[in-house]
């Protein structure tokens, strides 16, 4: 009797250890960093390779672990009930329930899972091989269980889909999470986010609009054109004939310098039209990633943007794309245009032409840029009208006050966070 009871208690202890093993393995394999495991696999770590294989079919992995865990827990509870009934009679059922609940929670759940969470990656590589054997042994049963589950859910019109999270969104979410936890500084987060945004943005989103372009009129004299080129802060200038839409070339400052040197500085001997390079036109719908690769292939830094009808929309440079990643790039020839001015009350004075993305990056805001590129465009889109000077709007948890308007264009706004419900009213109403 005593020997049988001792054997039962030893069996219960062993089953509780197995339960802890299953619980810890489940936590480790689901919490492990797939990126780190992938790196270890490339370095020749066999455990990491097996762990990656297991995690690739997460549903099958969890099914096998839960099956094994429930088997040992139920068996341990049954043995405990028998042992306690032998010792305490009918009251042993209650004692067994209380004892097994405490033992399972502490030693088979909380303890192994806490350890697995703090050492998820190494724990995952350690348990990968035995778990692989268990998954193989339980494969037929798990497959049957999965079929029954999917069939049952299908009766209620519920479809079980795989992990639909895009890899880019997963990386973006991880970066943003680490930023909020203090592990990634804002500048690094913006750079990583900028890289991920390249495939989602088009050249239209970051181009210099045609009304802000510096262009040369080839109808002017060579002296006038050279003066304009030297006075410009840019090294590449589009040149047109007759009409600003008729771009016939791009003048590069280095080409102009070579031409001037060749004629000994005699402007009367220079034909600026002959110095220009052939313009490169790209559609406004081209993604920034495609345009970046095109710049690299053609070894060019400058392109003109046109719409579907061939009308000039603006220009895009390699620097514009790089600024989406690293932020504003300024050199000694750049003219600093104060598009944003922070106020003491937390608001900002912004020119209407300031891109929404630049404002979000500068102020760490999250204004939407799907329907408009500039701040003025966002206000017009949300207001569904062209506002008058002095009107105040509130949407997307921010307050927008129109300070200046020129014809049909909003030129200056005051923007501040305002967590009120969305509304749009003119000042004084």
Protein backbone atom coordinates (compact mmCIF):
# COMPACT_ATOMS: atom_id res chain seq x y z
CA UNK A 1 0.00 0.00 0.00
CA UNK A 2 2.75 2.45 1.01
CA UNK A 3 4.95 1.42 -1.95
CA UNK A 4 2.02 1.89 -4.33
CA UNK A 5 1.28 5.34 -2.89
CA UNK A 6 4.93 6.36 -3.17
CA UNK A 7 5.07 5.24 -6.80
CA UNK A 8 1.90 7.22 -7.50
CA UNK A 9 3.34 10.39 -5.94
CA UNK A 10 6.58 9.96 -7.94
CA UNK A 11 4.53 9.51 -11.10
CA UNK A 12 2.55 12.69 -10.29
CA UNK A 13 5.78 14.64 -9.74
CA UNK A 14 7.15 13.37 -13.06
CA UNK A 15 3.95 14.31 -14.88
CA UNK A 16 4.05 17.80 -13.35
CA UNK A 17 7.59 18.16 -14.66
CA UNK A 18 6.42 17.10 -18.10
CA UNK A 19 3.59 19.61 -17.87
CA UNK A 20 6.11 22.33 -16.99
CA UNK A 21 8.23 21.27 -19.96
CA UNK A 22 5.27 21.59 -22.34
CA UNK A 23 4.20 24.95 -20.88
CA UNK A 24 7.70 26.41 -21.02
CA UNK A 25 8.25 25.10 -24.55
CA UNK A 26 5.01 26.65 -25.77
CA UNK A 27 5.94 30.04 -24.32
CA UNK A 28 9.52 29.94 -25.59
CA UNK A 29 8.65 28.88 -29.14
CA UNK A 30 5.90 31.49 -29.47
CA UNK A 31 7.86 34.32 -27.83
CA UNK A 32 11.23 33.65 -29.47
CA UNK A 33 12.58 36.21 -31.92
CA UNK A 34 12.35 34.72 -35.40
CA UNK A 35 14.94 37.21 -36.63
CA UNK A 36 17.45 36.11 -33.99
CA UNK A 37 16.73 32.43 -34.59
CA UNK A 38 17.22 32.99 -38.32
CA UNK A 39 20.59 34.58 -37.61
CA UNK A 40 21.65 31.67 -35.43
CA UNK A 41 20.49 29.21 -38.09
CA UNK A 42 22.73 30.94 -40.64
CA UNK A 43 25.60 30.50 -38.19
CA UNK A 44 24.98 26.73 -38.12
CA UNK A 45 22.87 26.34 -34.96
CA UNK A 46 20.86 23.13 -35.45
CA UNK A 47 18.45 23.90 -32.62
CA UNK A 48 17.61 27.25 -34.18
CA UNK A 49 16.99 25.55 -37.53
CA UNK A 50 14.55 23.07 -35.98
CA UNK A 51 12.86 25.85 -34.00
CA UNK A 52 12.30 27.82 -37.20
CA UNK A 53 10.76 24.77 -38.86
CA UNK A 54 8.42 24.28 -35.91
CA UNK A 55 7.41 27.95 -35.74
CA UNK A 56 6.69 27.98 -39.48
CA UNK A 57 3.64 25.77 -38.81
CA UNK A 58 2.52 27.41 -35.58
CA UNK A 59 -0.93 25.82 -35.52
CA UNK A 60 0.49 22.29 -35.73
CA UNK A 61 3.11 23.12 -33.09
CA UNK A 62 0.61 24.54 -30.59
CA UNK A 63 -1.79 21.67 -31.22
CA UNK A 64 0.85 19.05 -30.38
CA UNK A 65 2.06 20.90 -27.26
CA UNK A 66 -1.49 21.46 -25.96
CA UNK A 67 -2.34 17.81 -26.58
CA UNK A 68 0.71 16.61 -24.65
CA UNK A 69 0.16 19.16 -21.87
CA UNK A 70 -3.48 18.23 -21.35
CA UNK A 71 -2.69 14.53 -21.39
CA UNK A 72 -0.12 14.79 -18.60
CA UNK A 73 -2.23 17.25 -16.56
CA UNK A 74 -5.34 15.08 -16.74
CA UNK A 75 -3.35 11.94 -15.94
CA UNK A 76 -1.62 13.65 -13.02
CA UNK A 77 -4.97 14.88 -11.65
CA UNK A 78 -6.49 11.41 -11.96
CA UNK A 79 -3.58 9.79 -10.12
CA UNK A 80 -3.71 12.47 -7.42
CA UNK A 81 -7.43 11.88 -6.92
CA UNK A 82 -6.88 8.14 -6.50
CA UNK A 83 -4.01 8.71 -4.04
CA UNK A 84 -5.88 11.26 -1.93
CA UNK A 85 -9.05 9.14 -1.81
CA UNK A 86 -6.94 6.26 -0.51
CA UNK A 87 -5.50 8.50 2.21
CA UNK A 88 -8.52 10.65 3.17
CA UNK A 89 -11.55 8.87 1.84
CA UNK A 90 -14.25 10.88 0.02
CA UNK A 91 -12.74 14.18 1.23
CA UNK A 92 -9.65 13.29 -0.79
CA UNK A 93 -11.38 14.51 -3.97
CA UNK A 94 -11.49 18.07 -2.62
CA UNK A 95 -7.95 17.82 -1.26
CA UNK A 96 -6.68 16.49 -4.60
CA UNK A 97 -8.40 19.31 -6.50
CA UNK A 98 -6.88 22.00 -4.26
CA UNK A 99 -3.40 20.44 -4.21
CA UNK A 100 -3.22 19.80 -7.95
CA UNK A 101 -4.51 23.28 -8.77
CA UNK A 102 -1.78 24.84 -6.68
CA UNK A 103 0.95 22.54 -7.98
CA UNK A 104 -0.03 22.90 -11.65
CA UNK A 105 -0.38 26.68 -11.50
CA UNK A 106 2.90 27.25 -9.63
CA UNK A 107 5.24 24.55 -10.91
CA UNK A 108 3.74 23.61 -14.28
CA UNK A 109 2.55 26.99 -15.55
CA UNK A 110 3.86 30.17 -13.90
CA UNK A 111 7.39 28.98 -13.05
CA UNK A 112 8.34 27.44 -16.44
CA UNK A 113 6.61 30.17 -18.42
CA UNK A 114 8.32 32.92 -16.44
CA UNK A 115 11.70 31.35 -17.08
CA UNK A 116 10.87 30.76 -20.75
CA UNK A 117 9.87 34.40 -21.22
CA UNK A 118 13.15 35.65 -19.79
CA UNK A 119 15.23 33.23 -21.93
CA UNK A 120 12.91 32.64 -24.88
CA UNK A 121 15.47 32.30 -27.66
CA UNK A 122 17.87 29.93 -25.92
CA UNK A 123 15.03 27.96 -24.35
CA UNK A 124 13.47 27.54 -27.80
CA UNK A 125 16.67 26.12 -29.33
CA UNK A 126 17.10 23.76 -26.35
CA UNK A 127 13.62 22.24 -26.47
CA UNK A 128 13.32 22.26 -30.28
CA UNK A 129 14.55 18.68 -30.82
CA UNK A 130 12.33 16.92 -28.23
CA UNK A 131 9.35 19.02 -29.28
CA UNK A 132 10.00 18.04 -32.90
CA UNK A 133 9.70 14.38 -31.89
CA UNK A 134 6.46 15.06 -30.01
CA UNK A 135 5.01 16.96 -32.96
CA UNK A 136 5.87 14.02 -35.22
CA UNK A 137 4.30 11.45 -32.87
CA UNK A 138 1.13 13.45 -32.35
CA UNK A 139 0.82 14.52 -35.99
CA UNK A 140 -2.13 12.22 -36.90
CA UNK A 141 -4.10 13.20 -33.82
CA UNK A 142 -3.35 16.91 -34.27
CA UNK A 143 -4.39 16.70 -37.93
CA UNK A 144 -7.71 15.14 -36.91
CA UNK A 145 -8.23 17.82 -34.27
CA UNK A 146 -7.47 20.60 -36.77
CA UNK A 147 -9.96 19.11 -39.23
CA UNK A 148 -12.70 18.94 -36.58
CA UNK A 149 -11.98 22.50 -35.43
CA UNK A 150 -12.05 23.93 -38.96
CA UNK A 151 -15.19 21.96 -39.80
CA UNK A 152 -16.96 23.20 -36.67
CA UNK A 153 -15.95 26.81 -37.27
CA UNK A 154 -16.97 26.47 -40.91
CA UNK A 155 -20.51 25.57 -39.84
CA UNK A 156 -20.73 29.01 -38.23
CA UNK A 157 -19.18 30.72 -41.27
CA UNK A 158 -15.83 31.37 -39.60
CA UNK A 159 -12.71 30.85 -41.70
CA UNK A 160 -9.36 30.18 -40.05
CA UNK A 161 -6.78 32.24 -41.90
CA UNK A 162 -3.01 32.15 -41.59
CA UNK A 163 -0.89 35.03 -40.34
CA UNK A 164 -1.93 37.86 -42.65
CA UNK A 165 0.43 40.43 -41.13
CA UNK A 166 2.67 41.90 -43.80
CA UNK A 167 6.37 41.57 -43.04
CA UNK A 168 6.89 45.30 -43.49
CA UNK A 169 4.06 46.08 -41.09
CA UNK A 170 5.49 43.63 -38.57
CA UNK A 171 8.88 45.37 -38.72
CA UNK A 172 7.25 48.78 -38.53
CA UNK A 173 5.22 47.74 -35.49
CA UNK A 174 8.30 46.32 -33.75
CA UNK A 175 10.27 49.53 -34.36
CA UNK A 176 7.42 51.70 -33.11
CA UNK A 177 7.00 49.52 -30.02
CA UNK A 178 10.69 49.73 -29.16
CA UNK A 179 10.54 53.51 -29.68
CA UNK A 180 7.72 53.85 -27.15
CA UNK A 181 9.62 51.62 -24.73
CA UNK A 182 12.72 53.79 -25.09
CA UNK A 183 14.83 51.26 -26.98
CA UNK A 184 14.86 53.18 -30.27
CA UNK A 185 15.33 56.94 -30.49
CA UNK A 186 12.95 59.00 -32.66
CA UNK A 187 15.53 59.72 -35.37
CA UNK A 188 16.34 56.04 -35.81
CA UNK A 189 12.63 55.16 -35.86
CA UNK A 190 12.00 57.77 -38.55
CA UNK A 191 14.90 56.45 -40.65
CA UNK A 192 13.73 52.84 -40.43
CA UNK A 193 10.16 53.91 -41.16
CA UNK A 194 11.36 55.94 -44.14
CA UNK A 195 13.03 52.88 -45.66
CA UNK A 196 9.81 50.86 -45.28
CA UNK A 197 7.75 53.70 -46.78
CA UNK A 198 9.69 53.80 -50.05
CA UNK A 199 7.54 51.12 -51.68
CA UNK A 200 4.30 52.76 -50.49
CA UNK A 201 5.04 56.35 -51.55
CA UNK A 202 5.07 57.70 -55.10
CA UNK A 203 7.21 60.45 -56.58
CA UNK A 204 4.12 62.69 -56.42
CA UNK A 205 4.26 62.53 -52.62
CA UNK A 206 7.76 64.02 -52.33
CA UNK A 207 8.35 65.89 -55.59
CA UNK A 208 8.98 69.62 -55.83
CA UNK A 209 5.79 71.08 -57.29
CA UNK A 210 6.14 72.87 -60.60
CA UNK A 211 5.16 76.23 -59.09
CA UNK A 212 8.20 75.96 -56.80
CA UNK A 213 10.61 74.92 -59.55
CA UNK A 214 13.46 77.18 -60.67
CA UNK A 215 13.52 77.07 -64.46
CA UNK A 216 15.46 78.78 -67.23
CA UNK A 217 13.82 80.47 -70.22
CA UNK A 218 16.08 79.79 -73.20
CA UNK A 219 14.68 82.87 -74.91
CA UNK A 220 16.86 84.99 -72.61
CA UNK A 221 20.42 85.95 -73.42
CA UNK A 222 23.33 83.76 -72.45
CA UNK A 223 24.45 86.33 -69.90
CA UNK A 224 21.05 86.35 -68.21
CA UNK A 225 20.88 82.56 -68.16
CA UNK A 226 24.36 82.22 -66.68
CA UNK A 227 23.52 84.78 -63.99
CA UNK A 228 20.33 82.91 -63.08
CA UNK A 229 22.17 79.59 -62.98
CA UNK A 230 24.91 80.96 -60.71
CA UNK A 231 22.39 82.68 -58.43
CA UNK A 232 20.37 79.49 -58.00
CA UNK A 233 20.90 77.21 -55.01
CA UNK A 234 20.53 74.19 -57.32
CA UNK A 235 23.07 72.55 -59.60
CA UNK A 236 20.48 71.24 -62.08
CA UNK A 237 17.90 73.54 -63.67
CA UNK A 238 15.18 72.63 -66.19
CA UNK A 239 15.25 74.77 -69.32
CA UNK A 240 12.21 75.52 -71.50
CA UNK A 241 11.39 77.14 -74.80
CA UNK A 242 8.31 79.28 -75.51
CA UNK A 243 6.22 77.70 -72.73
CA UNK A 244 7.12 76.55 -69.21
CA UNK A 245 5.48 73.21 -70.03
CA UNK A 246 7.89 72.70 -72.92
CA UNK A 247 10.99 71.45 -71.08
CA UNK A 248 13.70 70.84 -73.67
CA UNK A 249 16.74 70.26 -71.48
CA UNK A 250 18.35 70.29 -68.04
CA UNK A 251 21.30 72.57 -67.41
CA UNK A 252 23.94 71.19 -65.05
CA UNK A 253 26.18 73.73 -63.31
CA UNK A 254 29.25 71.58 -63.96
CA UNK A 255 28.48 71.41 -67.70
CA UNK A 256 28.06 75.20 -67.73
CA UNK A 257 31.39 75.66 -65.96
CA UNK A 258 33.15 73.45 -68.51
CA UNK A 259 31.57 75.37 -71.38
CA UNK A 260 32.63 78.71 -69.88
CA UNK A 261 36.16 77.48 -69.44
CA UNK A 262 36.30 76.20 -73.02
CA UNK A 263 35.49 79.68 -74.40
CA UNK A 264 37.63 81.53 -71.91
CA UNK A 265 34.62 83.02 -70.14
CA UNK A 266 33.30 84.74 -73.27
CA UNK A 267 29.51 84.49 -72.82
CA UNK A 268 28.87 85.61 -76.37
CA UNK A 269 30.30 82.32 -77.62
CA UNK A 270 28.02 80.10 -75.48
CA UNK A 271 24.76 78.63 -76.71
CA UNK A 272 23.11 77.49 -73.47
CA UNK A 273 20.67 75.24 -75.37
CA UNK A 274 23.62 73.15 -76.58
CA UNK A 275 24.97 72.74 -73.03
CA UNK A 276 21.77 71.26 -71.62
CA UNK A 277 21.22 67.55 -71.16
CA UNK A 278 18.22 65.60 -72.42
CA UNK A 279 15.39 65.74 -69.83
CA UNK A 280 14.19 62.54 -68.19
CA UNK A 281 10.44 62.28 -67.59
CA UNK A 282 8.87 59.83 -65.12
CA UNK A 283 5.18 59.15 -64.31
CA UNK A 284 3.80 60.60 -61.09
CA UNK A 285 2.66 57.11 -60.03
CA UNK A 286 6.20 55.69 -59.87
CA UNK A 287 7.01 54.41 -56.39
CA UNK A 288 9.97 55.92 -54.58
CA UNK A 289 11.65 52.51 -54.43
CA UNK A 290 11.32 52.10 -58.21
CA UNK A 291 12.60 55.63 -58.79
CA UNK A 292 15.54 55.11 -56.45
CA UNK A 293 16.52 51.98 -58.37
CA UNK A 294 16.05 53.86 -61.66
CA UNK A 295 18.36 56.64 -60.46
CA UNK A 296 20.98 54.03 -59.63
CA UNK A 297 20.64 52.26 -63.00
CA UNK A 298 20.80 55.45 -65.06
CA UNK A 299 23.37 57.07 -62.75
CA UNK A 300 21.16 60.16 -62.68
CA UNK A 301 20.04 62.36 -59.79
CA UNK A 302 17.27 64.37 -61.44
CA UNK A 303 13.97 63.62 -63.20
CA UNK A 304 10.88 65.57 -64.24
CA UNK A 305 7.48 64.27 -63.12
CA UNK A 306 4.50 64.21 -65.49
CA UNK A 307 0.89 63.09 -65.11
CA UNK A 308 -1.01 60.62 -67.27
CA UNK A 309 -1.58 63.32 -69.90
CA UNK A 310 2.10 64.23 -70.08
CA UNK A 311 1.61 67.56 -68.28
CA UNK A 312 4.49 68.70 -66.09
CA UNK A 313 3.79 68.14 -62.39
CA UNK A 314 7.15 68.82 -60.77
CA UNK A 315 10.59 67.35 -60.34
CA UNK A 316 12.16 64.63 -58.20
CA UNK A 317 15.81 64.28 -57.20
CA UNK A 318 17.84 61.60 -55.53
CA UNK A 319 18.22 63.92 -52.54
CA UNK A 320 14.42 64.14 -52.18
CA UNK A 321 14.23 60.36 -51.83
CA UNK A 322 17.16 60.16 -49.42
CA UNK A 323 15.54 62.85 -47.27
CA UNK A 324 12.55 60.56 -46.83
CA UNK A 325 14.92 58.20 -45.04
CA UNK A 326 17.42 60.37 -43.16
CA UNK A 327 15.47 63.61 -42.84
CA UNK A 328 16.26 67.04 -44.24
CA UNK A 329 19.67 67.32 -45.92
CA UNK A 330 21.09 70.82 -46.14
CA UNK A 331 24.36 72.06 -47.55
CA UNK A 332 26.07 75.44 -47.53
CA UNK A 333 24.11 76.58 -50.59
CA UNK A 334 20.65 75.62 -49.37
CA UNK A 335 18.24 78.38 -48.50
CA UNK A 336 16.47 77.57 -45.26
CA UNK A 337 12.77 78.17 -45.80
CA UNK A 338 11.05 78.44 -42.44
CA UNK A 339 8.06 76.33 -43.26
CA UNK A 340 7.45 75.42 -39.61
CA UNK A 341 7.77 77.58 -36.53
CA UNK A 342 7.07 76.11 -33.11
CA UNK A 343 5.17 78.32 -30.67
CA UNK A 344 5.49 78.47 -26.91
CA UNK A 345 1.98 77.05 -26.37
CA UNK A 346 2.83 73.82 -28.25
CA UNK A 347 1.26 74.90 -31.53
CA UNK A 348 3.10 75.43 -34.82
CA UNK A 349 2.80 78.05 -37.53
CA UNK A 350 3.04 76.19 -40.84
CA UNK A 351 3.05 77.29 -44.44
CA UNK A 352 0.28 75.64 -46.41
CA UNK A 353 2.79 73.99 -48.74
CA UNK A 354 4.50 72.07 -45.91
CA UNK A 355 4.17 68.31 -46.60
CA UNK A 356 2.16 66.38 -44.03
CA UNK A 357 4.94 63.83 -43.72
CA UNK A 358 7.46 66.53 -42.83
CA UNK A 359 5.14 67.94 -40.16
CA UNK A 360 4.50 64.48 -38.71
CA UNK A 361 8.21 63.76 -38.58
CA UNK A 362 9.10 67.13 -37.04
CA UNK A 363 6.34 67.13 -34.39
CA UNK A 364 5.95 63.35 -33.93
CA UNK A 365 2.30 63.62 -34.97
CA UNK A 366 0.23 61.16 -36.97
CA UNK A 367 -1.87 63.23 -39.37
CA UNK A 368 -3.10 61.16 -42.34
CA UNK A 369 -1.47 61.72 -45.72
CA UNK A 370 -3.52 59.35 -47.86
CA UNK A 371 -5.83 62.01 -49.36
CA UNK A 372 -3.49 65.02 -49.44
CA UNK A 373 0.23 65.73 -49.63
CA UNK A 374 0.35 69.17 -47.98
CA UNK A 375 -1.19 70.63 -44.83
CA UNK A 376 -3.31 73.00 -46.90
CA UNK A 377 -4.54 70.07 -48.97
CA UNK A 378 -5.53 68.17 -45.83
CA UNK A 379 -7.56 71.10 -44.51
CA UNK A 380 -9.34 71.58 -47.83
CA UNK A 381 -10.05 67.84 -48.08
CA UNK A 382 -11.51 67.63 -44.58
CA UNK A 383 -13.44 70.92 -44.80
CA UNK A 384 -14.78 70.05 -48.28
CA UNK A 385 -14.40 73.73 -49.17
CA UNK A 386 -11.74 76.40 -49.54
CA UNK A 387 -11.68 78.06 -46.10
CA UNK A 388 -11.67 81.77 -45.44
CA UNK A 389 -9.00 83.52 -43.39
CA UNK A 390 -9.80 83.17 -39.70
CA UNK A 391 -11.79 79.96 -39.95
CA UNK A 392 -10.95 77.27 -37.40
CA UNK A 393 -11.31 73.54 -37.91
CA UNK A 394 -10.72 70.53 -35.70
CA UNK A 395 -10.16 67.01 -36.97
CA UNK A 396 -7.78 64.11 -36.37
CA UNK A 397 -7.30 65.39 -32.79
CA UNK A 398 -5.76 68.68 -34.00
CA UNK A 399 -6.95 72.25 -34.34
CA UNK A 400 -6.31 74.14 -37.59
CA UNK A 401 -6.64 77.90 -37.86
CA UNK A 402 -6.35 79.53 -41.28
CA UNK A 403 -4.09 82.56 -40.86
CA UNK A 404 -3.57 83.58 -44.48
CA UNK A 405 -5.16 82.79 -47.82
CA UNK A 406 -4.08 83.94 -51.26
CA UNK A 407 -6.75 83.51 -53.91
CA UNK A 408 -7.77 79.83 -53.66
CA UNK A 409 -4.64 78.79 -51.79
CA UNK A 410 -4.14 78.47 -48.02
CA UNK A 411 -0.70 79.92 -47.36
CA UNK A 412 -0.39 79.93 -43.55
CA UNK A 413 -1.95 77.91 -40.71
CA UNK A 414 -1.70 77.57 -36.97
CA UNK A 415 -1.88 73.91 -35.89
CA UNK A 416 -2.11 72.55 -32.37
CA UNK A 417 -3.16 69.26 -30.71
CA UNK A 418 -6.81 69.42 -29.68
CA UNK A 419 -8.44 66.20 -28.45
CA UNK A 420 -11.98 67.40 -29.12
CA UNK A 421 -14.53 65.64 -31.36
CA UNK A 422 -14.17 66.38 -35.06
CA UNK A 423 -15.97 69.52 -36.15
CA UNK A 424 -15.57 72.34 -38.62
CA UNK A 425 -16.84 75.84 -37.81
CA UNK A 426 -15.80 79.33 -38.86
CA UNK A 427 -14.40 81.67 -36.26
CA UNK A 428 -17.07 83.40 -34.21
CA UNK A 429 -19.80 80.78 -34.76
